[in-house]
Structure formats: C-alpha cells, structure tokens
C-alpha cells in the first residue's frame, strides 16, 4: 500500500509562532527537526497497519524543510518549488490514500495557531463554490480529483475541527490546544508523536478494512473566489485568463475541476503584487 504524506509546518508539534517556521530565524532549525520527527511518527504508525511505500510532499515555504538524512528511509521525498501539484505533489503517482501532517486552520479562524490560507501576506479569504475554504479543504479536493481520500490530519484543535467539516470520518491527531494565534498548550513531543503514530495506524487500518473517508469530490464546474489583502493584489490577479472582478479586493473564476481550480488559484496568488 502506497501513501502520500503531505506536510506543512505551522501545525507541527510545539510550533506557536512565525520565527519557528521561517528559515531566516534561528528557531527554524530546531523545528525542521521536529517536523521530520512528526513525519517519521506518521510513517511508523502507517507501516504498523500495513502501508509499505511512502511519498512525502514537503509543502511549507519553498518545500525544502524536511531533513532527508533523518527521514524514515522507507519514504521518498518530494521537495523543491514550484512543483506541479505543490503541497500534494506525488498524489498523481498511484497512491491509495493521503495523510496530512502539520496542517493549520484557514485564515480568520479564532484560537488557531498561525491561521492563514496559502499566503499570510496576500490572501484574506478563499471560497470554493461559495464555501469558505482553507488549505486542508483545497488540498483534500485535489487529492479527491485523483480518487485519493485523506485519512488523517495532525495539528491544533482548530484544524482538526475544520478537517471534520470537509471529511467527517477523518482521523485527527491534536498535538496542541491553541488559545490564540501565537499561543498554545503543547503536548510533550514524545506524547504528540505517539498520538500521530496511533492516529496514522488507526486511519490506515480502517482504510484497509474498507472503512474510513471517501475521496472528497466537489461539484463541478467550481467557482473559485479569492479575496486579497489589498486592491493592487487583485489588480495583478486580474491578469489570470477568465478572471472577473467581484469588488476592490476580490476576483473570481470558474474551473472545470479541482485540479484546474488549484492551478488557477496558485497562478492568481503569484500574480497578486504586494
């Protein structure tokens, strides 16, 4: 059984502020080690339940965070940017299911560590078919486009709740209790990673027994609406073919499927001038 493990950093065990996830700060080196350890915990748990092959998609910053020298040797690492499928690179390679490790809640969520949607400096809100969406929902929809269900997520209580809104049967590994955007009660690392391993094992076991989540499939065509933080960003995003202006800071476009919506969204954010 081959799995995709899609990894972000804001939801990694112990992370509570931007310095810990920013390569320009000394704290980052500590937390990229913990990030790799969280991933290894997920691999251990999934392997206990019968998973035999893993592709790990490094989805934070420039996708060069995980330490390949300490990554579980059973895993292949998808790293570097830009990659065609970004945070879920590898989902097209014949994986049967996905695990999301270190995820965070969408922009504007109360009591959520480092909440944002794709870009903390550009995007205020994202809607898919009129529904507010964060990175969990969008990445799960891209996985669903390839027929791949998301079996579990790790992070704070806010992203666990958000994940259940999209995939009610998803397994969750809550590794911290956020009490603000930059404050949380964090589990000891050993306990957090044991929780990740148990959740991964349970999720994969249920899947292999024919239970658990189904792929997330959204109604098509999809209407994608993006609200930016300033009007000049929307000006730039309007260079996207097919874009329409909704208001001063918001653009929208229609896509035939989740993969096209994902590509269009990424292009619109890239075009948004700060």
Protein backbone atom coordinates (compact mmCIF):
# COMPACT_ATOMS: atom_id res chain seq x y z
CA UNK A 1 0.00 0.00 0.00
CA UNK A 2 1.42 3.35 -1.09
CA UNK A 3 0.62 6.54 0.83
CA UNK A 4 1.11 10.24 0.27
CA UNK A 5 2.15 12.14 3.40
CA UNK A 6 1.55 15.84 2.74
CA UNK A 7 3.35 18.03 5.27
CA UNK A 8 3.05 21.65 6.34
CA UNK A 9 4.84 23.27 9.28
CA UNK A 10 2.53 25.56 11.24
CA UNK A 11 0.70 22.57 12.72
CA UNK A 12 3.85 20.68 13.68
CA UNK A 13 4.25 19.69 17.33
CA UNK A 14 5.33 22.63 19.51
CA UNK A 15 5.07 25.34 16.84
CA UNK A 16 3.40 28.53 18.10
CA UNK A 17 4.99 31.49 16.25
CA UNK A 18 6.34 32.58 12.88
CA UNK A 19 10.01 32.52 13.93
CA UNK A 20 9.80 28.76 14.36
CA UNK A 21 8.69 28.22 10.75
CA UNK A 22 10.71 30.95 8.99
CA UNK A 23 14.08 29.85 7.51
CA UNK A 24 15.51 33.32 8.27
CA UNK A 25 15.29 32.72 12.03
CA UNK A 26 17.49 30.55 14.22
CA UNK A 27 14.49 28.81 15.79
CA UNK A 28 13.61 27.28 12.41
CA UNK A 29 16.46 24.76 12.53
CA UNK A 30 15.07 23.25 15.74
CA UNK A 31 11.60 22.91 14.34
CA UNK A 32 12.51 21.42 10.98
CA UNK A 33 13.97 18.54 13.02
CA UNK A 34 10.70 18.22 14.91
CA UNK A 35 8.82 18.44 11.60
CA UNK A 36 10.81 15.46 10.30
CA UNK A 37 10.17 13.55 13.53
CA UNK A 38 6.39 14.15 13.24
CA UNK A 39 6.51 12.73 9.71
CA UNK A 40 8.52 9.72 10.87
CA UNK A 41 5.90 9.09 13.55
CA UNK A 42 3.17 9.03 10.89
CA UNK A 43 5.21 6.62 8.77
CA UNK A 44 5.79 4.30 11.74
CA UNK A 45 2.11 4.18 12.56
CA UNK A 46 1.00 3.70 8.97
CA UNK A 47 3.56 0.94 8.46
CA UNK A 48 2.23 -0.88 11.53
CA UNK A 49 -1.14 -1.01 9.78
CA UNK A 50 0.31 -2.36 6.55
CA UNK A 51 1.46 0.60 4.46
CA UNK A 52 4.61 -0.33 2.56
CA UNK A 53 5.54 2.68 0.40
CA UNK A 54 5.52 6.40 1.12
CA UNK A 55 5.99 9.63 -0.78
CA UNK A 56 6.38 12.67 1.45
CA UNK A 57 5.42 16.06 -0.02
CA UNK A 58 7.22 18.93 1.72
CA UNK A 59 4.59 21.68 1.48
CA UNK A 60 5.94 24.53 3.61
CA UNK A 61 7.67 27.71 2.38
CA UNK A 62 9.95 26.71 -0.52
CA UNK A 63 9.40 22.98 0.08
CA UNK A 64 12.95 22.48 1.37
CA UNK A 65 12.34 21.95 5.07
CA UNK A 66 12.40 18.23 5.87
CA UNK A 67 15.75 16.67 6.72
CA UNK A 68 16.25 13.85 4.25
CA UNK A 69 19.17 12.48 6.26
CA UNK A 70 16.85 11.71 9.19
CA UNK A 71 13.66 10.99 7.24
CA UNK A 72 12.47 7.38 7.51
CA UNK A 73 14.35 5.50 4.74
CA UNK A 74 11.10 3.91 3.55
CA UNK A 75 9.99 7.32 2.24
CA UNK A 76 10.72 9.17 -0.98
CA UNK A 77 10.82 12.95 -0.57
CA UNK A 78 9.10 15.37 -2.97
CA UNK A 79 10.86 18.69 -2.36
CA UNK A 80 11.52 21.99 -4.12
CA UNK A 81 9.32 24.61 -5.73
CA UNK A 82 7.40 25.22 -7.87
CA UNK A 83 6.14 21.66 -8.21
CA UNK A 84 3.14 20.90 -10.45
CA UNK A 85 0.94 19.77 -7.54
CA UNK A 86 2.61 21.85 -4.82
CA UNK A 87 1.52 20.71 -1.34
CA UNK A 88 0.23 17.36 -2.59
CA UNK A 89 2.98 16.59 -5.09
CA UNK A 90 3.01 12.85 -5.64
CA UNK A 91 -0.73 12.29 -5.33
CA UNK A 92 -0.79 11.52 -9.04
CA UNK A 93 1.75 8.69 -8.69
CA UNK A 94 -0.61 5.86 -7.81
CA UNK A 95 -1.01 6.41 -4.06
CA UNK A 96 -4.06 4.86 -2.42
CA UNK A 97 -4.60 7.41 0.34
CA UNK A 98 -3.12 10.51 1.97
CA UNK A 99 -2.20 11.69 5.46
CA UNK A 100 -1.87 15.43 6.20
CA UNK A 101 0.74 16.25 8.87
CA UNK A 102 1.36 19.67 10.48
CA UNK A 103 -1.64 21.46 8.99
CA UNK A 104 -3.21 24.72 10.20
CA UNK A 105 -6.64 26.34 10.07
CA UNK A 106 -7.88 28.72 7.40
CA UNK A 107 -7.43 32.49 7.64
CA UNK A 108 -9.60 34.19 10.24
CA UNK A 109 -10.16 31.15 12.45
CA UNK A 110 -10.20 32.09 16.15
CA UNK A 111 -7.81 30.31 18.52
CA UNK A 112 -5.82 28.75 15.70
CA UNK A 113 -2.03 28.73 15.54
CA UNK A 114 -0.71 30.81 12.62
CA UNK A 115 -4.04 30.66 10.75
CA UNK A 116 -3.80 31.65 7.10
CA UNK A 117 -4.83 30.45 3.66
CA UNK A 118 -1.87 29.76 1.38
CA UNK A 119 -0.25 33.17 1.83
CA UNK A 120 -0.27 35.06 5.12
CA UNK A 121 0.63 38.27 3.26
CA UNK A 122 -1.69 38.10 0.26
CA UNK A 123 -4.86 36.06 0.76
CA UNK A 124 -7.65 37.12 3.12
CA UNK A 125 -10.26 34.52 2.11
CA UNK A 126 -10.85 31.73 -0.38
CA UNK A 127 -14.21 30.28 -1.36
CA UNK A 128 -14.92 27.14 -3.41
CA UNK A 129 -18.48 27.08 -4.71
CA UNK A 130 -19.35 29.74 -2.15
CA UNK A 131 -17.90 27.83 0.81
CA UNK A 132 -15.01 29.25 2.83
CA UNK A 133 -12.01 27.02 2.32
CA UNK A 134 -8.52 26.65 3.75
CA UNK A 135 -5.55 24.54 2.79
CA UNK A 136 -6.99 21.33 4.19
CA UNK A 137 -10.14 21.54 2.05
CA UNK A 138 -8.40 22.62 -1.14
CA UNK A 139 -5.62 20.04 -0.91
CA UNK A 140 -8.13 17.32 0.00
CA UNK A 141 -10.18 18.27 -3.07
CA UNK A 142 -7.11 17.92 -5.30
CA UNK A 143 -6.46 14.51 -3.75
CA UNK A 144 -10.11 13.67 -4.43
CA UNK A 145 -9.65 14.65 -8.08
CA UNK A 146 -7.22 11.71 -8.30
CA UNK A 147 -9.54 9.42 -6.34
CA UNK A 148 -7.38 9.62 -3.20
CA UNK A 149 -9.04 10.01 0.24
CA UNK A 150 -7.43 11.95 3.10
CA UNK A 151 -7.40 9.61 6.09
CA UNK A 152 -5.95 11.79 8.87
CA UNK A 153 -4.64 15.21 9.84
CA UNK A 154 -2.39 16.46 12.65
CA UNK A 155 -2.27 19.97 14.08
CA UNK A 156 -4.16 22.05 16.62
CA UNK A 157 -7.80 21.66 17.63
CA UNK A 158 -8.93 24.27 15.07
CA UNK A 159 -7.58 22.46 12.00
CA UNK A 160 -8.88 19.15 13.36
CA UNK A 161 -12.37 20.67 13.55
CA UNK A 162 -12.02 22.23 10.09
CA UNK A 163 -10.93 18.91 8.62
CA UNK A 164 -14.01 17.19 10.03
CA UNK A 165 -16.20 19.81 8.32
CA UNK A 166 -14.85 18.63 4.97
CA UNK A 167 -14.22 14.95 5.73
CA UNK A 168 -16.36 13.90 8.72
CA UNK A 169 -14.67 10.49 9.13
CA UNK A 170 -11.11 11.82 9.07
CA UNK A 171 -8.81 10.71 11.91
CA UNK A 172 -7.30 13.60 13.86
CA UNK A 173 -4.13 13.88 15.93
CA UNK A 174 -4.38 17.04 18.03
CA UNK A 175 -0.86 17.93 19.19
CA UNK A 176 -1.65 21.33 20.77
CA UNK A 177 -4.56 23.38 22.08
CA UNK A 178 -4.42 26.87 20.62
CA UNK A 179 -5.56 29.70 22.90
CA UNK A 180 -4.76 32.44 20.38
CA UNK A 181 -2.94 32.89 17.10
CA UNK A 182 0.50 32.79 18.75
CA UNK A 183 -0.16 30.78 21.90
CA UNK A 184 -1.00 27.15 22.65
CA UNK A 185 -0.74 24.44 25.25
CA UNK A 186 1.61 21.97 23.54
CA UNK A 187 1.88 18.28 24.30
CA UNK A 188 5.33 16.91 25.17
CA UNK A 189 6.98 15.85 21.92
CA UNK A 190 7.02 12.16 22.78
CA UNK A 191 3.31 12.23 23.55
CA UNK A 192 2.46 14.30 20.46
CA UNK A 193 4.35 11.97 18.15
CA UNK A 194 2.88 8.89 19.80
CA UNK A 195 -0.55 10.40 19.13
CA UNK A 196 0.37 10.97 15.47
CA UNK A 197 1.58 7.37 15.14
CA UNK A 198 -1.58 5.96 16.73
CA UNK A 199 -3.84 8.07 14.52
CA UNK A 200 -1.94 7.08 11.38
CA UNK A 201 -2.12 3.40 12.32
CA UNK A 202 -5.83 3.59 13.08
CA UNK A 203 -6.56 5.54 9.89
CA UNK A 204 -4.70 3.13 7.61
CA UNK A 205 -6.14 0.07 9.36
CA UNK A 206 -9.69 1.38 8.89
CA UNK A 207 -8.98 2.12 5.24
CA UNK A 208 -7.63 -1.37 4.61
CA UNK A 209 -10.74 -2.81 6.25
CA UNK A 210 -12.93 -0.87 3.82
CA UNK A 211 -13.92 1.82 6.32
CA UNK A 212 -12.99 5.46 6.76
CA UNK A 213 -13.21 8.51 4.48
CA UNK A 214 -14.01 8.51 0.80
CA UNK A 215 -12.28 10.89 -1.64
CA UNK A 216 -13.50 14.48 -1.36
CA UNK A 217 -15.19 15.35 -4.64
CA UNK A 218 -16.61 18.84 -5.17
CA UNK A 219 -19.42 19.72 -7.52
CA UNK A 220 -18.09 20.91 -10.89
CA UNK A 221 -17.58 23.30 -12.51
CA UNK A 222 -16.07 25.05 -9.50
CA UNK A 223 -16.41 28.75 -8.83
CA UNK A 224 -13.25 30.00 -7.13
CA UNK A 225 -13.35 33.34 -5.35
CA UNK A 226 -10.26 34.91 -3.78
CA UNK A 227 -10.20 37.98 -1.54
CA UNK A 228 -6.78 39.61 -1.36
CA UNK A 229 -5.40 41.88 1.33
CA UNK A 230 -5.14 44.95 -0.90
CA UNK A 231 -6.69 46.16 -4.14
CA UNK A 232 -3.43 46.22 -6.09
CA UNK A 233 -3.10 42.48 -5.46
CA UNK A 234 -6.48 41.95 -7.09
CA UNK A 235 -5.30 44.19 -9.94
CA UNK A 236 -2.44 41.78 -10.60
CA UNK A 237 -4.62 38.68 -10.20
CA UNK A 238 -6.96 40.03 -12.88
CA UNK A 239 -4.26 39.09 -15.42
CA UNK A 240 -5.41 35.50 -14.93
CA UNK A 241 -7.35 34.48 -18.07
CA UNK A 242 -11.06 34.20 -17.29
CA UNK A 243 -10.88 36.21 -14.05
CA UNK A 244 -13.69 38.59 -13.15
CA UNK A 245 -13.60 41.40 -10.60
CA UNK A 246 -16.06 40.94 -7.73
CA UNK A 247 -15.03 44.00 -5.74
CA UNK A 248 -11.94 46.07 -4.99
CA UNK A 249 -10.00 43.21 -3.38
CA UNK A 250 -11.77 40.13 -4.76
CA UNK A 251 -11.57 38.19 -8.01
CA UNK A 252 -13.36 35.05 -9.17
CA UNK A 253 -13.06 32.48 -11.94
CA UNK A 254 -14.67 29.20 -12.96
CA UNK A 255 -12.71 25.96 -13.33
CA UNK A 256 -13.82 22.62 -14.80
CA UNK A 257 -12.40 20.56 -11.92
CA UNK A 258 -10.49 20.77 -8.64
CA UNK A 259 -7.09 20.42 -10.27
CA UNK A 260 -7.74 23.31 -12.67
CA UNK A 261 -9.11 25.36 -9.76
CA UNK A 262 -5.92 24.69 -7.78
CA UNK A 263 -3.70 25.74 -10.66
CA UNK A 264 -5.76 28.86 -11.29
CA UNK A 265 -5.68 29.84 -7.63
CA UNK A 266 -1.91 29.38 -7.41
CA UNK A 267 -1.47 31.50 -10.55
CA UNK A 268 -3.74 34.24 -9.20
CA UNK A 269 -1.77 34.41 -5.93
CA UNK A 270 1.51 34.53 -7.85
CA UNK A 271 0.18 37.43 -9.93
CA UNK A 272 -1.00 39.37 -6.88
CA UNK A 273 1.51 42.22 -6.41
CA UNK A 274 2.19 43.21 -2.82
